mmCIF file of all heavy atoms, coordinates in Angstrom:
data_MODEL
# 
_entry.id   MODEL 
# 
loop_
_atom_site.group_PDB 
_atom_site.id 
_atom_site.type_symbol 
_atom_site.label_atom_id 
_atom_site.label_alt_id 
_atom_site.label_comp_id 
_atom_site.label_asym_id 
_atom_site.label_entity_id 
_atom_site.label_seq_id 
_atom_site.pdbx_PDB_ins_code 
_atom_site.Cartn_x 
_atom_site.Cartn_y 
_atom_site.Cartn_z 
_atom_site.occupancy 
_atom_site.B_iso_or_equiv 
_atom_site.pdbx_formal_charge 
_atom_site.auth_seq_id 
_atom_site.auth_comp_id 
_atom_site.auth_asym_id 
_atom_site.auth_atom_id 
_atom_site.pdbx_PDB_model_num 
ATOM 1   N N   . GLY A 1 1  ? 43.561 -6.476  -14.096 1.00 0.00 ? 1  GLY A N   1 
ATOM 2   C CA  . GLY A 1 1  ? 44.330 -5.892  -13.015 1.00 0.00 ? 1  GLY A CA  1 
ATOM 3   C C   . GLY A 1 1  ? 44.000 -4.436  -12.743 1.00 0.00 ? 1  GLY A C   1 
ATOM 4   O O   . GLY A 1 1  ? 44.635 -3.803  -11.890 1.00 0.00 ? 1  GLY A O   1 
ATOM 5   N N   . SER A 1 2  ? 42.975 -3.897  -13.422 1.00 0.00 ? 2  SER A N   1 
ATOM 6   C CA  . SER A 1 2  ? 42.638 -2.483  -13.231 1.00 0.00 ? 2  SER A CA  1 
ATOM 7   C C   . SER A 1 2  ? 41.792 -2.243  -11.983 1.00 0.00 ? 2  SER A C   1 
ATOM 8   O O   . SER A 1 2  ? 41.595 -1.095  -11.576 1.00 0.00 ? 2  SER A O   1 
ATOM 9   C CB  . SER A 1 2  ? 41.909 -1.942  -14.460 1.00 0.00 ? 2  SER A CB  1 
ATOM 10  O OG  . SER A 1 2  ? 40.693 -2.652  -14.668 1.00 0.00 ? 2  SER A OG  1 
ATOM 11  N N   . GLY A 1 3  ? 41.258 -3.323  -11.375 1.00 0.00 ? 3  GLY A N   1 
ATOM 12  C CA  . GLY A 1 3  ? 40.500 -3.176  -10.136 1.00 0.00 ? 3  GLY A CA  1 
ATOM 13  C C   . GLY A 1 3  ? 39.011 -3.403  -10.267 1.00 0.00 ? 3  GLY A C   1 
ATOM 14  O O   . GLY A 1 3  ? 38.253 -3.204  -9.304  1.00 0.00 ? 3  GLY A O   1 
ATOM 15  N N   . LYS A 1 4  ? 38.539 -3.860  -11.440 1.00 0.00 ? 4  LYS A N   1 
ATOM 16  C CA  . LYS A 1 4  ? 37.102 -4.023  -11.681 1.00 0.00 ? 4  LYS A CA  1 
ATOM 17  C C   . LYS A 1 4  ? 36.493 -5.085  -10.755 1.00 0.00 ? 4  LYS A C   1 
ATOM 18  O O   . LYS A 1 4  ? 35.475 -4.839  -10.096 1.00 0.00 ? 4  LYS A O   1 
ATOM 19  C CB  . LYS A 1 4  ? 36.852 -4.431  -13.141 1.00 0.00 ? 4  LYS A CB  1 
ATOM 20  C CG  . LYS A 1 4  ? 37.486 -3.530  -14.177 1.00 0.00 ? 4  LYS A CG  1 
ATOM 21  C CD  . LYS A 1 4  ? 37.159 -3.975  -15.579 1.00 0.00 ? 4  LYS A CD  1 
ATOM 22  C CE  . LYS A 1 4  ? 37.619 -5.385  -15.883 1.00 0.00 ? 4  LYS A CE  1 
ATOM 23  N NZ  . LYS A 1 4  ? 39.077 -5.547  -15.847 1.00 0.00 ? 4  LYS A NZ  1 
ATOM 24  N N   . SER A 1 5  ? 37.096 -6.258  -10.740 1.00 0.00 ? 5  SER A N   1 
ATOM 25  C CA  . SER A 1 5  ? 36.539 -7.355  -9.946  1.00 0.00 ? 5  SER A CA  1 
ATOM 26  C C   . SER A 1 5  ? 36.575 -7.037  -8.454  1.00 0.00 ? 5  SER A C   1 
ATOM 27  O O   . SER A 1 5  ? 35.636 -7.343  -7.716  1.00 0.00 ? 5  SER A O   1 
ATOM 28  C CB  . SER A 1 5  ? 37.287 -8.657  -10.225 1.00 0.00 ? 5  SER A CB  1 
ATOM 29  O OG  . SER A 1 5  ? 37.052 -9.090  -11.557 1.00 0.00 ? 5  SER A OG  1 
ATOM 30  N N   . THR A 1 6  ? 37.656 -6.409  -7.997  1.00 0.00 ? 6  THR A N   1 
ATOM 31  C CA  . THR A 1 6  ? 37.736 -6.028  -6.585  1.00 0.00 ? 6  THR A CA  1 
ATOM 32  C C   . THR A 1 6  ? 36.604 -5.068  -6.225  1.00 0.00 ? 6  THR A C   1 
ATOM 33  O O   . THR A 1 6  ? 35.946 -5.220  -5.185  1.00 0.00 ? 6  THR A O   1 
ATOM 34  C CB  . THR A 1 6  ? 39.096 -5.382  -6.269  1.00 0.00 ? 6  THR A CB  1 
ATOM 35  O OG1 . THR A 1 6  ? 40.138 -6.320  -6.541  1.00 0.00 ? 6  THR A OG1 1 
ATOM 36  C CG2 . THR A 1 6  ? 39.170 -4.946  -4.814  1.00 0.00 ? 6  THR A CG2 1 
ATOM 37  N N   . LEU A 1 7  ? 36.360 -4.091  -7.083  1.00 0.00 ? 7  LEU A N   1 
ATOM 38  C CA  . LEU A 1 7  ? 35.299 -3.115  -6.821  1.00 0.00 ? 7  LEU A CA  1 
ATOM 39  C C   . LEU A 1 7  ? 33.936 -3.805  -6.721  1.00 0.00 ? 7  LEU A C   1 
ATOM 40  O O   . LEU A 1 7  ? 33.128 -3.502  -5.833  1.00 0.00 ? 7  LEU A O   1 
ATOM 41  C CB  . LEU A 1 7  ? 35.278 -2.057  -7.921  1.00 0.00 ? 7  LEU A CB  1 
ATOM 42  C CG  . LEU A 1 7  ? 34.271 -0.920  -7.720  1.00 0.00 ? 7  LEU A CG  1 
ATOM 43  C CD1 . LEU A 1 7  ? 34.641 -0.083  -6.507  1.00 0.00 ? 7  LEU A CD1 1 
ATOM 44  C CD2 . LEU A 1 7  ? 34.180 -0.058  -8.979  1.00 0.00 ? 7  LEU A CD2 1 
ATOM 45  N N   . MET A 1 8  ? 33.673 -4.749  -7.619  1.00 0.00 ? 8  MET A N   1 
ATOM 46  C CA  . MET A 1 8  ? 32.388 -5.441  -7.602  1.00 0.00 ? 8  MET A CA  1 
ATOM 47  C C   . MET A 1 8  ? 32.287 -6.392  -6.407  1.00 0.00 ? 8  MET A C   1 
ATOM 48  O O   . MET A 1 8  ? 31.193 -6.604  -5.873  1.00 0.00 ? 8  MET A O   1 
ATOM 49  C CB  . MET A 1 8  ? 32.191 -6.198  -8.906  1.00 0.00 ? 8  MET A CB  1 
ATOM 50  C CG  . MET A 1 8  ? 31.949 -5.290  -10.116 1.00 0.00 ? 8  MET A CG  1 
ATOM 51  S SD  . MET A 1 8  ? 30.452 -4.245  -9.943  1.00 0.00 ? 8  MET A SD  1 
ATOM 52  C CE  . MET A 1 8  ? 31.159 -2.689  -9.367  1.00 0.00 ? 8  MET A CE  1 
ATOM 53  N N   . LYS A 1 9  ? 33.392 -6.953  -5.977  1.00 0.00 ? 9  LYS A N   1 
ATOM 54  C CA  . LYS A 1 9  ? 33.367 -7.791  -4.772  1.00 0.00 ? 9  LYS A CA  1 
ATOM 55  C C   . LYS A 1 9  ? 33.116 -6.956  -3.527  1.00 0.00 ? 9  LYS A C   1 
ATOM 56  O O   . LYS A 1 9  ? 32.493 -7.422  -2.567  1.00 0.00 ? 9  LYS A O   1 
ATOM 57  C CB  . LYS A 1 9  ? 34.681 -8.567  -4.653  1.00 0.00 ? 9  LYS A CB  1 
ATOM 58  C CG  . LYS A 1 9  ? 34.805 -9.693  -5.678  1.00 0.00 ? 9  LYS A CG  1 
ATOM 59  C CD  . LYS A 1 9  ? 36.164 -10.382 -5.597  1.00 0.00 ? 9  LYS A CD  1 
ATOM 60  C CE  . LYS A 1 9  ? 36.274 -11.486 -6.642  1.00 0.00 ? 9  LYS A CE  1 
ATOM 61  N NZ  . LYS A 1 9  ? 37.619 -12.128 -6.629  1.00 0.00 ? 9  LYS A NZ  1 
ATOM 62  N N   . VAL A 1 10 ? 33.575 -5.713  -3.525  1.00 0.00 ? 10 VAL A N   1 
ATOM 63  C CA  . VAL A 1 10 ? 33.239 -4.800  -2.431  1.00 0.00 ? 10 VAL A CA  1 
ATOM 64  C C   . VAL A 1 10 ? 31.736 -4.536  -2.434  1.00 0.00 ? 10 VAL A C   1 
ATOM 65  O O   . VAL A 1 10 ? 31.075 -4.587  -1.396  1.00 0.00 ? 10 VAL A O   1 
ATOM 66  C CB  . VAL A 1 10 ? 34.019 -3.473  -2.566  1.00 0.00 ? 10 VAL A CB  1 
ATOM 67  C CG1 . VAL A 1 10 ? 33.461 -2.421  -1.602  1.00 0.00 ? 10 VAL A CG1 1 
ATOM 68  C CG2 . VAL A 1 10 ? 35.501 -3.701  -2.295  1.00 0.00 ? 10 VAL A CG2 1 
ATOM 69  N N   . LEU A 1 11 ? 31.178 -4.278  -3.609  1.00 0.00 ? 11 LEU A N   1 
ATOM 70  C CA  . LEU A 1 11 ? 29.746 -4.019  -3.719  1.00 0.00 ? 11 LEU A CA  1 
ATOM 71  C C   . LEU A 1 11 ? 28.928 -5.207  -3.231  1.00 0.00 ? 11 LEU A C   1 
ATOM 72  O O   . LEU A 1 11 ? 27.925 -5.028  -2.518  1.00 0.00 ? 11 LEU A O   1 
ATOM 73  C CB  . LEU A 1 11 ? 29.398 -3.694  -5.177  1.00 0.00 ? 11 LEU A CB  1 
ATOM 74  C CG  . LEU A 1 11 ? 27.904 -3.620  -5.531  1.00 0.00 ? 11 LEU A CG  1 
ATOM 75  C CD1 . LEU A 1 11 ? 27.188 -2.597  -4.655  1.00 0.00 ? 11 LEU A CD1 1 
ATOM 76  C CD2 . LEU A 1 11 ? 27.750 -3.266  -7.006  1.00 0.00 ? 11 LEU A CD2 1 
ATOM 77  N N   . PHE A 1 12 ? 29.357 -6.425  -3.583  1.00 0.00 ? 12 PHE A N   1 
ATOM 78  C CA  . PHE A 1 12 ? 28.599 -7.621  -3.224  1.00 0.00 ? 12 PHE A CA  1 
ATOM 79  C C   . PHE A 1 12 ? 28.913 -8.118  -1.811  1.00 0.00 ? 12 PHE A C   1 
ATOM 80  O O   . PHE A 1 12 ? 28.324 -9.078  -1.340  1.00 0.00 ? 12 PHE A O   1 
ATOM 81  C CB  . PHE A 1 12 ? 28.879 -8.730  -4.242  1.00 0.00 ? 12 PHE A CB  1 
ATOM 82  C CG  . PHE A 1 12 ? 27.986 -9.929  -4.093  1.00 0.00 ? 12 PHE A CG  1 
ATOM 83  C CD1 . PHE A 1 12 ? 26.603 -9.794  -4.084  1.00 0.00 ? 12 PHE A CD1 1 
ATOM 84  C CD2 . PHE A 1 12 ? 28.523 -11.192 -3.942  1.00 0.00 ? 12 PHE A CD2 1 
ATOM 85  C CE1 . PHE A 1 12 ? 25.778 -10.899 -3.933  1.00 0.00 ? 12 PHE A CE1 1 
ATOM 86  C CE2 . PHE A 1 12 ? 27.710 -12.311 -3.792  1.00 0.00 ? 12 PHE A CE2 1 
ATOM 87  C CZ  . PHE A 1 12 ? 26.321 -12.156 -3.790  1.00 0.00 ? 12 PHE A CZ  1 
ATOM 88  N N   . GLY A 1 13 ? 29.843 -7.451  -1.133  1.00 0.00 ? 13 GLY A N   1 
ATOM 89  C CA  . GLY A 1 13 ? 30.137 -7.820  0.250   1.00 0.00 ? 13 GLY A CA  1 
ATOM 90  C C   . GLY A 1 13 ? 31.165 -8.914  0.406   1.00 0.00 ? 13 GLY A C   1 
ATOM 91  O O   . GLY A 1 13 ? 31.430 -9.370  1.521   1.00 0.00 ? 13 GLY A O   1 
ATOM 92  N N   . MET A 1 14 ? 31.785 -9.339  -0.673  1.00 0.00 ? 14 MET A N   1 
ATOM 93  C CA  . MET A 1 14 ? 32.814 -10.382 -0.587  1.00 0.00 ? 14 MET A CA  1 
ATOM 94  C C   . MET A 1 14 ? 34.131 -9.828  -0.085  1.00 0.00 ? 14 MET A C   1 
ATOM 95  O O   . MET A 1 14 ? 34.960 -10.571 0.448   1.00 0.00 ? 14 MET A O   1 
ATOM 96  C CB  . MET A 1 14 ? 33.013 -11.031 -1.963  1.00 0.00 ? 14 MET A CB  1 
ATOM 97  C CG  . MET A 1 14 ? 31.805 -11.776 -2.496  1.00 0.00 ? 14 MET A CG  1 
ATOM 98  S SD  . MET A 1 14 ? 32.095 -12.411 -4.154  1.00 0.00 ? 14 MET A SD  1 
ATOM 99  C CE  . MET A 1 14 ? 33.388 -13.630 -3.823  1.00 0.00 ? 14 MET A CE  1 
ATOM 100 N N   . VAL A 1 15 ? 34.342 -8.535  -0.269  1.00 0.00 ? 15 VAL A N   1 
ATOM 101 C CA  . VAL A 1 15 ? 35.579 -7.878  0.146   1.00 0.00 ? 15 VAL A CA  1 
ATOM 102 C C   . VAL A 1 15 ? 35.216 -6.649  0.974   1.00 0.00 ? 15 VAL A C   1 
ATOM 103 O O   . VAL A 1 15 ? 34.327 -5.871  0.585   1.00 0.00 ? 15 VAL A O   1 
ATOM 104 C CB  . VAL A 1 15 ? 36.423 -7.464  -1.087  1.00 0.00 ? 15 VAL A CB  1 
ATOM 105 C CG1 . VAL A 1 15 ? 37.560 -6.534  -0.684  1.00 0.00 ? 15 VAL A CG1 1 
ATOM 106 C CG2 . VAL A 1 15 ? 36.967 -8.698  -1.801  1.00 0.00 ? 15 VAL A CG2 1 
ATOM 107 N N   . ARG A 1 16 ? 35.867 -6.497  2.102   1.00 0.00 ? 16 ARG A N   1 
ATOM 108 C CA  . ARG A 1 16 ? 35.639 -5.329  2.960   1.00 0.00 ? 16 ARG A CA  1 
ATOM 109 C C   . ARG A 1 16 ? 36.620 -4.231  2.547   1.00 0.00 ? 16 ARG A C   1 
ATOM 110 O O   . ARG A 1 16 ? 37.841 -4.433  2.558   1.00 0.00 ? 16 ARG A O   1 
ATOM 111 C CB  . ARG A 1 16 ? 35.851 -5.698  4.418   1.00 0.00 ? 16 ARG A CB  1 
ATOM 112 C CG  . ARG A 1 16 ? 35.510 -4.575  5.397   1.00 0.00 ? 16 ARG A CG  1 
ATOM 113 C CD  . ARG A 1 16 ? 35.778 -5.025  6.830   1.00 0.00 ? 16 ARG A CD  1 
ATOM 114 N NE  . ARG A 1 16 ? 34.857 -6.066  7.218   1.00 0.00 ? 16 ARG A NE  1 
ATOM 115 C CZ  . ARG A 1 16 ? 33.652 -5.842  7.746   1.00 0.00 ? 16 ARG A CZ  1 
ATOM 116 N NH1 . ARG A 1 16 ? 33.254 -4.586  7.933   1.00 0.00 ? 16 ARG A NH1 1 
ATOM 117 N NH2 . ARG A 1 16 ? 32.874 -6.843  8.088   1.00 0.00 ? 16 ARG A NH2 1 
ATOM 118 N N   . PRO A 1 17 ? 36.136 -3.044  2.169   1.00 0.00 ? 17 PRO A N   1 
ATOM 119 C CA  . PRO A 1 17 ? 37.055 -1.979  1.720   1.00 0.00 ? 17 PRO A CA  1 
ATOM 120 C C   . PRO A 1 17 ? 37.851 -1.399  2.878   1.00 0.00 ? 17 PRO A C   1 
ATOM 121 O O   . PRO A 1 17 ? 37.429 -1.453  4.041   1.00 0.00 ? 17 PRO A O   1 
ATOM 122 C CB  . PRO A 1 17 ? 36.105 -0.943  1.128   1.00 0.00 ? 17 PRO A CB  1 
ATOM 123 C CG  . PRO A 1 17 ? 34.829 -1.127  1.894   1.00 0.00 ? 17 PRO A CG  1 
ATOM 124 C CD  . PRO A 1 17 ? 34.739 -2.614  2.149   1.00 0.00 ? 17 PRO A CD  1 
ATOM 125 N N   . ASP A 1 18 ? 39.018 -0.857  2.562   1.00 0.00 ? 18 ASP A N   1 
ATOM 126 C CA  . ASP A 1 18 ? 39.805 -0.152  3.573   1.00 0.00 ? 18 ASP A CA  1 
ATOM 127 C C   . ASP A 1 18 ? 39.180 1.205   3.888   1.00 0.00 ? 18 ASP A C   1 
ATOM 128 O O   . ASP A 1 18 ? 39.258 1.697   5.011   1.00 0.00 ? 18 ASP A O   1 
ATOM 129 C CB  . ASP A 1 18 ? 41.240 0.048   3.069   1.00 0.00 ? 18 ASP A CB  1 
ATOM 130 C CG  . ASP A 1 18 ? 41.935 -1.256  2.773   1.00 0.00 ? 18 ASP A CG  1 
ATOM 131 O OD1 . ASP A 1 18 ? 41.618 -2.264  3.442   1.00 0.00 ? 18 ASP A OD1 1 
ATOM 132 O OD2 . ASP A 1 18 ? 42.779 -1.290  1.852   1.00 0.00 ? 18 ASP A OD2 1 
ATOM 133 N N   . GLU A 1 19 ? 38.593 1.803   2.848   1.00 0.00 ? 19 GLU A N   1 
ATOM 134 C CA  . GLU A 1 19 ? 37.923 3.103   2.995   1.00 0.00 ? 19 GLU A CA  1 
ATOM 135 C C   . GLU A 1 19 ? 36.703 3.115   2.101   1.00 0.00 ? 19 GLU A C   1 
ATOM 136 O O   . GLU A 1 19 ? 36.614 2.386   1.120   1.00 0.00 ? 19 GLU A O   1 
ATOM 137 C CB  . GLU A 1 19 ? 38.841 4.256   2.550   1.00 0.00 ? 19 GLU A CB  1 
ATOM 138 C CG  . GLU A 1 19 ? 40.071 4.487   3.376   1.00 0.00 ? 19 GLU A CG  1 
ATOM 139 C CD  . GLU A 1 19 ? 40.861 5.664   2.813   1.00 0.00 ? 19 GLU A CD  1 
ATOM 140 O OE1 . GLU A 1 19 ? 40.437 6.821   3.024   1.00 0.00 ? 19 GLU A OE1 1 
ATOM 141 O OE2 . GLU A 1 19 ? 41.868 5.426   2.151   1.00 0.00 ? 19 GLU A OE2 1 
ATOM 142 N N   . GLY A 1 20 ? 35.757 3.991   2.451   1.00 0.00 ? 20 GLY A N   1 
ATOM 143 C CA  . GLY A 1 20 ? 34.615 4.213   1.575   1.00 0.00 ? 20 GLY A CA  1 
ATOM 144 C C   . GLY A 1 20 ? 33.338 3.558   2.050   1.00 0.00 ? 20 GLY A C   1 
ATOM 145 O O   . GLY A 1 20 ? 33.334 2.718   2.955   1.00 0.00 ? 20 GLY A O   1 
ATOM 146 N N   . ASP A 1 21 ? 32.232 3.955   1.414   1.00 0.00 ? 21 ASP A N   1 
ATOM 147 C CA  . ASP A 1 21 ? 30.903 3.477   1.773   1.00 0.00 ? 21 ASP A CA  1 
ATOM 148 C C   . ASP A 1 21 ? 30.159 3.033   0.523   1.00 0.00 ? 21 ASP A C   1 
ATOM 149 O O   . ASP A 1 21 ? 30.396 3.536   -0.582  1.00 0.00 ? 21 ASP A O   1 
ATOM 150 C CB  . ASP A 1 21 ? 30.088 4.592   2.448   1.00 0.00 ? 21 ASP A CB  1 
ATOM 151 C CG  . ASP A 1 21 ? 30.767 5.110   3.704   1.00 0.00 ? 21 ASP A CG  1 
ATOM 152 O OD1 . ASP A 1 21 ? 31.021 4.285   4.592   1.00 0.00 ? 21 ASP A OD1 1 
ATOM 153 O OD2 . ASP A 1 21 ? 31.040 6.320   3.768   1.00 0.00 ? 21 ASP A OD2 1 
ATOM 154 N N   . VAL A 1 22 ? 29.221 2.097   0.737   1.00 0.00 ? 22 VAL A N   1 
ATOM 155 C CA  . VAL A 1 22 ? 28.305 1.664   -0.310  1.00 0.00 ? 22 VAL A CA  1 
ATOM 156 C C   . VAL A 1 22 ? 26.900 2.015   0.145   1.00 0.00 ? 22 VAL A C   1 
ATOM 157 O O   . VAL A 1 22 ? 26.437 1.536   1.188   1.00 0.00 ? 22 VAL A O   1 
ATOM 158 C CB  . VAL A 1 22 ? 28.415 0.148   -0.575  1.00 0.00 ? 22 VAL A CB  1 
ATOM 159 C CG1 . VAL A 1 22 ? 27.404 -0.277  -1.644  1.00 0.00 ? 22 VAL A CG1 1 
ATOM 160 C CG2 . VAL A 1 22 ? 29.831 -0.224  -1.009  1.00 0.00 ? 22 VAL A CG2 1 
ATOM 161 N N   . VAL A 1 23 ? 26.220 2.863   -0.618  1.00 0.00 ? 23 VAL A N   1 
ATOM 162 C CA  . VAL A 1 23 ? 24.857 3.287   -0.288  1.00 0.00 ? 23 VAL A CA  1 
ATOM 163 C C   . VAL A 1 23 ? 23.930 2.732   -1.358  1.00 0.00 ? 23 VAL A C   1 
ATOM 164 O O   . VAL A 1 23 ? 24.090 3.010   -2.549  1.00 0.00 ? 23 VAL A O   1 
ATOM 165 C CB  . VAL A 1 23 ? 24.744 4.824   -0.226  1.00 0.00 ? 23 VAL A CB  1 
ATOM 166 C CG1 . VAL A 1 23 ? 23.301 5.247   0.044   1.00 0.00 ? 23 VAL A CG1 1 
ATOM 167 C CG2 . VAL A 1 23 ? 25.672 5.372   0.847   1.00 0.00 ? 23 VAL A CG2 1 
ATOM 168 N N   . TYR A 1 24 ? 22.955 1.929   -0.918  1.00 0.00 ? 24 TYR A N   1 
ATOM 169 C CA  . TYR A 1 24 ? 22.026 1.276   -1.847  1.00 0.00 ? 24 TYR A CA  1 
ATOM 170 C C   . TYR A 1 24 ? 20.604 1.659   -1.463  1.00 0.00 ? 24 TYR A C   1 
ATOM 171 O O   . TYR A 1 24 ? 20.195 1.489   -0.317  1.00 0.00 ? 24 TYR A O   1 
ATOM 172 C CB  . TYR A 1 24 ? 22.204 -0.244  -1.781  1.00 0.00 ? 24 TYR A CB  1 
ATOM 173 C CG  . TYR A 1 24 ? 21.382 -1.010  -2.795  1.00 0.00 ? 24 TYR A CG  1 
ATOM 174 C CD1 . TYR A 1 24 ? 21.739 -0.999  -4.140  1.00 0.00 ? 24 TYR A CD1 1 
ATOM 175 C CD2 . TYR A 1 24 ? 20.260 -1.727  -2.407  1.00 0.00 ? 24 TYR A CD2 1 
ATOM 176 C CE1 . TYR A 1 24 ? 20.988 -1.695  -5.077  1.00 0.00 ? 24 TYR A CE1 1 
ATOM 177 C CE2 . TYR A 1 24 ? 19.504 -2.419  -3.341  1.00 0.00 ? 24 TYR A CE2 1 
ATOM 178 C CZ  . TYR A 1 24 ? 19.877 -2.405  -4.680  1.00 0.00 ? 24 TYR A CZ  1 
ATOM 179 O OH  . TYR A 1 24 ? 19.131 -3.092  -5.606  1.00 0.00 ? 24 TYR A OH  1 
# 
């Protein structure tokens, strides 16, 4: 529940963040 999986799903494109950017 600390947010690890959500963060990785944002990175992989499974979840769209409310704020922020991913630069690869």
